[in-house]
Amino acid sequence: MKSKINKNKLQINVTKHGMISKLYFDAVLNGIIKLIDVKNKVKVLDFGCGYGYLKEKIKRGKKIEVINFDIIKELTEIDDWKKVNFDFLVSTHVFGYFKKKKLNKFLLYLKKNYPKIKVILTISKQGWFNKLGALILNEPKAYTNYNLSPKEEIFIFSKHMRIIKKKNILLLSDIYLLEFV
């Protein structure tokens, strides 16, 4: 990380993992890692990487290279994700911030330019259990500024991609493994 960011100025929520939230995010990261096929060396684009926890967790020497990309310049490793080749695009709680038209356009671009990639997508359920957790963890901005509900988000992805696997994480989120059809 290049420098600290001012969370109050952001239109999105970037979660710093504390002691309690680390339990949840470790479960998410472990779920993601289990979905990455490592028969051969693979490149993973962590799209909306935040503080880079996936790369940090994977750096144990597996056959996985993680490239961190975030719209927050202080958190990204690359300026333009479109100039990177990758086998998997991983995104955790990011596409809810997109508007429908932008997400459809994004997926059409991916399909045209990266037709063989797999997408690992984590979508928060945004239910009362999530909201209780946000309250307990003093994260008042959690789930604010979202443009898509979880149902809208997976519906849009399902129009463009096939769901290979789905896994629930602690009743708080679903992780999907998807591929283009």
Protein backbone atom coordinates (compact mmCIF):
# COMPACT_ATOMS: atom_id res chain seq x y z
CA MET A 1 0.00 0.00 0.00
CA LYS A 2 1.33 3.37 -0.97
CA SER A 3 -0.40 5.47 1.70
CA LYS A 4 -3.38 5.57 3.99
CA ILE A 5 -6.73 6.45 2.47
CA ASN A 6 -9.44 8.62 3.95
CA LYS A 7 -12.45 6.30 4.24
CA ASN A 8 -14.78 9.25 4.85
CA LYS A 9 -14.17 10.59 1.33
CA LEU A 10 -14.89 7.29 -0.44
CA GLN A 11 -18.14 6.52 -2.27
CA ILE A 12 -17.48 2.86 -1.54
CA ASN A 13 -16.63 0.95 1.60
CA VAL A 14 -13.15 -0.57 1.88
CA THR A 15 -13.07 -2.90 4.85
CA LYS A 16 -10.00 -3.16 7.01
CA HIS A 17 -10.10 -6.61 8.61
CA GLY A 18 -10.34 -6.42 12.39
CA MET A 19 -10.28 -9.35 14.80
CA ILE A 20 -13.95 -10.31 14.38
CA SER A 21 -14.37 -9.40 10.71
CA LYS A 22 -11.16 -11.33 9.95
CA LEU A 23 -13.02 -14.57 10.76
CA TYR A 24 -15.61 -13.80 8.08
CA PHE A 25 -13.15 -12.53 5.49
CA ASP A 26 -10.81 -15.50 6.06
CA ALA A 27 -13.78 -17.79 5.36
CA VAL A 28 -14.47 -15.83 2.15
CA LEU A 29 -10.83 -15.90 1.06
CA ASN A 30 -10.51 -19.63 1.80
CA GLY A 31 -13.68 -20.24 -0.22
CA ILE A 32 -12.26 -18.27 -3.14
CA ILE A 33 -8.90 -20.04 -3.03
CA LYS A 34 -10.62 -23.47 -3.11
CA LEU A 35 -12.33 -22.45 -6.38
CA ILE A 36 -9.09 -21.55 -8.16
CA ASP A 37 -7.92 -24.48 -10.28
CA VAL A 38 -4.19 -24.84 -9.73
CA LYS A 39 -3.30 -27.74 -12.02
CA ASN A 40 -1.17 -25.23 -13.91
CA LYS A 41 0.18 -21.84 -12.90
CA VAL A 42 -2.63 -19.27 -13.10
CA LYS A 43 -2.97 -15.50 -12.96
CA VAL A 44 -5.75 -14.02 -10.88
CA LEU A 45 -6.94 -10.44 -11.23
CA ASP A 46 -8.30 -9.34 -7.86
CA PHE A 47 -10.75 -6.74 -9.18
CA GLY A 48 -11.54 -4.34 -6.36
CA CYS A 49 -8.73 -5.78 -4.25
CA GLY A 50 -9.06 -3.32 -1.36
CA TYR A 51 -6.13 -3.86 0.96
CA GLY A 52 -4.90 -6.90 -0.99
CA TYR A 53 -5.85 -9.61 1.50
CA LEU A 54 -6.24 -12.30 -1.19
CA LYS A 55 -2.69 -11.79 -2.46
CA GLU A 56 -1.41 -11.72 1.10
CA LYS A 57 -3.16 -15.02 1.89
CA ILE A 58 -2.01 -16.76 -1.31
CA LYS A 59 1.64 -15.69 -1.24
CA ARG A 60 2.55 -18.97 0.43
CA GLY A 61 4.05 -20.21 -2.85
CA LYS A 62 1.12 -21.82 -4.63
CA LYS A 63 0.92 -21.78 -8.41
CA ILE A 64 -1.24 -18.65 -8.21
CA GLU A 65 -0.09 -15.16 -9.14
CA VAL A 66 -2.45 -12.45 -7.87
CA ILE A 67 -2.55 -9.02 -9.51
CA ASN A 68 -4.26 -6.38 -7.38
CA PHE A 69 -6.48 -3.81 -9.06
CA ASP A 70 -8.61 -1.19 -7.35
CA ILE A 71 -10.06 2.14 -8.43
CA ILE A 72 -8.39 3.64 -5.37
CA LYS A 73 -4.92 4.46 -6.64
CA GLU A 74 -3.30 3.91 -3.22
CA LEU A 75 -4.46 0.28 -3.25
CA THR A 76 -3.79 -0.83 -6.84
CA GLU A 77 -0.68 -2.37 -8.39
CA ILE A 78 -1.61 -1.58 -11.98
CA ASP A 79 -3.06 1.42 -13.77
CA ASP A 80 -5.18 -0.43 -16.32
CA TRP A 81 -6.56 -3.92 -15.70
CA LYS A 82 -7.40 -4.22 -19.42
CA LYS A 83 -3.68 -4.48 -20.21
CA VAL A 84 -3.22 -7.60 -18.07
CA ASN A 85 -3.72 -11.22 -19.05
CA PHE A 86 -5.41 -13.36 -16.41
CA ASP A 87 -7.16 -16.70 -16.01
CA PHE A 88 -9.49 -15.78 -13.15
CA LEU A 89 -11.18 -12.53 -12.21
CA VAL A 90 -11.98 -12.46 -8.49
CA SER A 91 -14.25 -9.82 -7.06
CA THR A 92 -15.62 -9.57 -3.54
CA HIS A 93 -18.51 -7.21 -2.81
CA VAL A 94 -17.66 -4.91 -5.74
CA PHE A 95 -20.27 -5.16 -8.49
CA GLY A 96 -23.12 -4.06 -6.24
CA TYR A 97 -21.68 -0.56 -6.70
CA PHE A 98 -22.14 -0.79 -10.48
CA LYS A 99 -25.28 0.36 -12.25
CA LYS A 100 -27.08 -2.24 -14.39
CA LYS A 101 -25.96 -0.76 -17.70
CA LYS A 102 -22.32 -0.48 -16.57
CA LEU A 103 -22.23 -4.08 -15.31
CA ASN A 104 -23.73 -5.41 -18.56
CA LYS A 105 -21.20 -3.41 -20.57
CA PHE A 106 -18.37 -4.69 -18.34
CA LEU A 107 -19.44 -8.32 -18.83
CA LEU A 108 -19.76 -7.88 -22.61
CA TYR A 109 -16.22 -6.46 -22.66
CA LEU A 110 -14.92 -9.41 -20.61
CA LYS A 111 -16.66 -11.95 -22.85
CA LYS A 112 -15.23 -10.36 -26.00
CA ASN A 113 -11.68 -9.89 -24.70
CA TYR A 114 -11.29 -12.67 -22.11
CA PRO A 115 -13.75 -15.40 -23.21
CA LYS A 116 -11.95 -18.27 -21.44
CA ILE A 117 -11.58 -16.71 -17.99
CA LYS A 118 -13.48 -17.87 -14.97
CA VAL A 119 -15.03 -15.38 -12.56
CA ILE A 120 -15.17 -15.89 -8.82
CA LEU A 121 -17.75 -13.53 -7.45
CA THR A 122 -18.66 -12.89 -3.82
CA ILE A 123 -22.04 -11.26 -3.27
CA SER A 124 -23.20 -10.10 0.14
CA LYS A 125 -26.71 -11.18 1.05
CA GLN A 126 -27.30 -7.70 2.58
CA GLY A 127 -29.84 -9.22 4.97
CA TRP A 128 -30.58 -8.45 8.58
CA PHE A 129 -27.69 -10.70 9.70
CA ASN A 130 -25.26 -8.63 7.59
CA LYS A 131 -26.68 -5.39 8.96
CA LEU A 132 -26.37 -6.64 12.52
CA GLY A 133 -22.73 -7.54 11.84
CA ALA A 134 -22.07 -4.09 10.38
CA LEU A 135 -23.56 -2.53 13.51
CA ILE A 136 -21.51 -4.73 15.86
CA LEU A 137 -18.32 -4.06 13.87
CA ASN A 138 -19.00 -0.31 13.75
CA GLU A 139 -19.11 -0.23 9.94
CA PRO A 140 -21.99 2.23 9.40
CA LYS A 141 -21.16 2.65 5.69
CA ALA A 142 -21.48 -1.05 4.92
CA TYR A 143 -24.03 -1.59 2.12
CA THR A 144 -24.43 2.14 1.45
CA ASN A 145 -24.09 3.48 -2.08
CA TYR A 146 -24.94 0.07 -3.58
CA ASN A 147 -26.78 0.34 -6.89
CA LEU A 148 -27.70 -3.33 -7.25
CA SER A 149 -29.37 -5.76 -4.89
CA PRO A 150 -27.80 -9.22 -4.58
CA LYS A 151 -30.61 -10.67 -6.75
CA GLU A 152 -30.08 -8.05 -9.47
CA GLU A 153 -26.33 -8.62 -9.40
CA ILE A 154 -26.48 -12.41 -9.88
CA PHE A 155 -29.32 -12.05 -12.42
CA ILE A 156 -27.10 -9.85 -14.62
CA PHE A 157 -24.16 -12.24 -14.29
CA SER A 158 -26.45 -15.19 -15.10
CA LYS A 159 -27.49 -13.54 -18.37
CA HIS A 160 -23.87 -13.60 -19.54
CA MET A 161 -22.33 -16.53 -17.69
CA ARG A 162 -23.04 -20.01 -16.42
CA ILE A 163 -22.80 -20.72 -12.70
CA ILE A 164 -20.46 -23.66 -12.14
CA LYS A 165 -20.51 -23.67 -8.33
CA LYS A 166 -22.13 -21.71 -5.52
CA LYS A 167 -21.06 -21.73 -1.89
CA ASN A 168 -22.58 -19.94 1.07
CA ILE A 169 -20.26 -18.30 3.59
CA LEU A 170 -21.57 -18.05 7.16
CA LEU A 171 -25.08 -17.06 5.94
CA LEU A 172 -23.61 -13.66 4.99
CA SER A 173 -22.44 -14.04 1.40
CA ASP A 174 -22.50 -16.37 -1.57
CA ILE A 175 -19.42 -17.19 -3.62
CA TYR A 176 -19.99 -18.12 -7.26
CA LEU A 177 -17.67 -19.69 -9.79
CA LEU A 178 -18.82 -18.66 -13.27
CA GLU A 179 -17.73 -19.05 -16.88
CA PHE A 180 -18.87 -17.58 -20.17
CA VAL A 181 -21.19 -19.70 -22.29
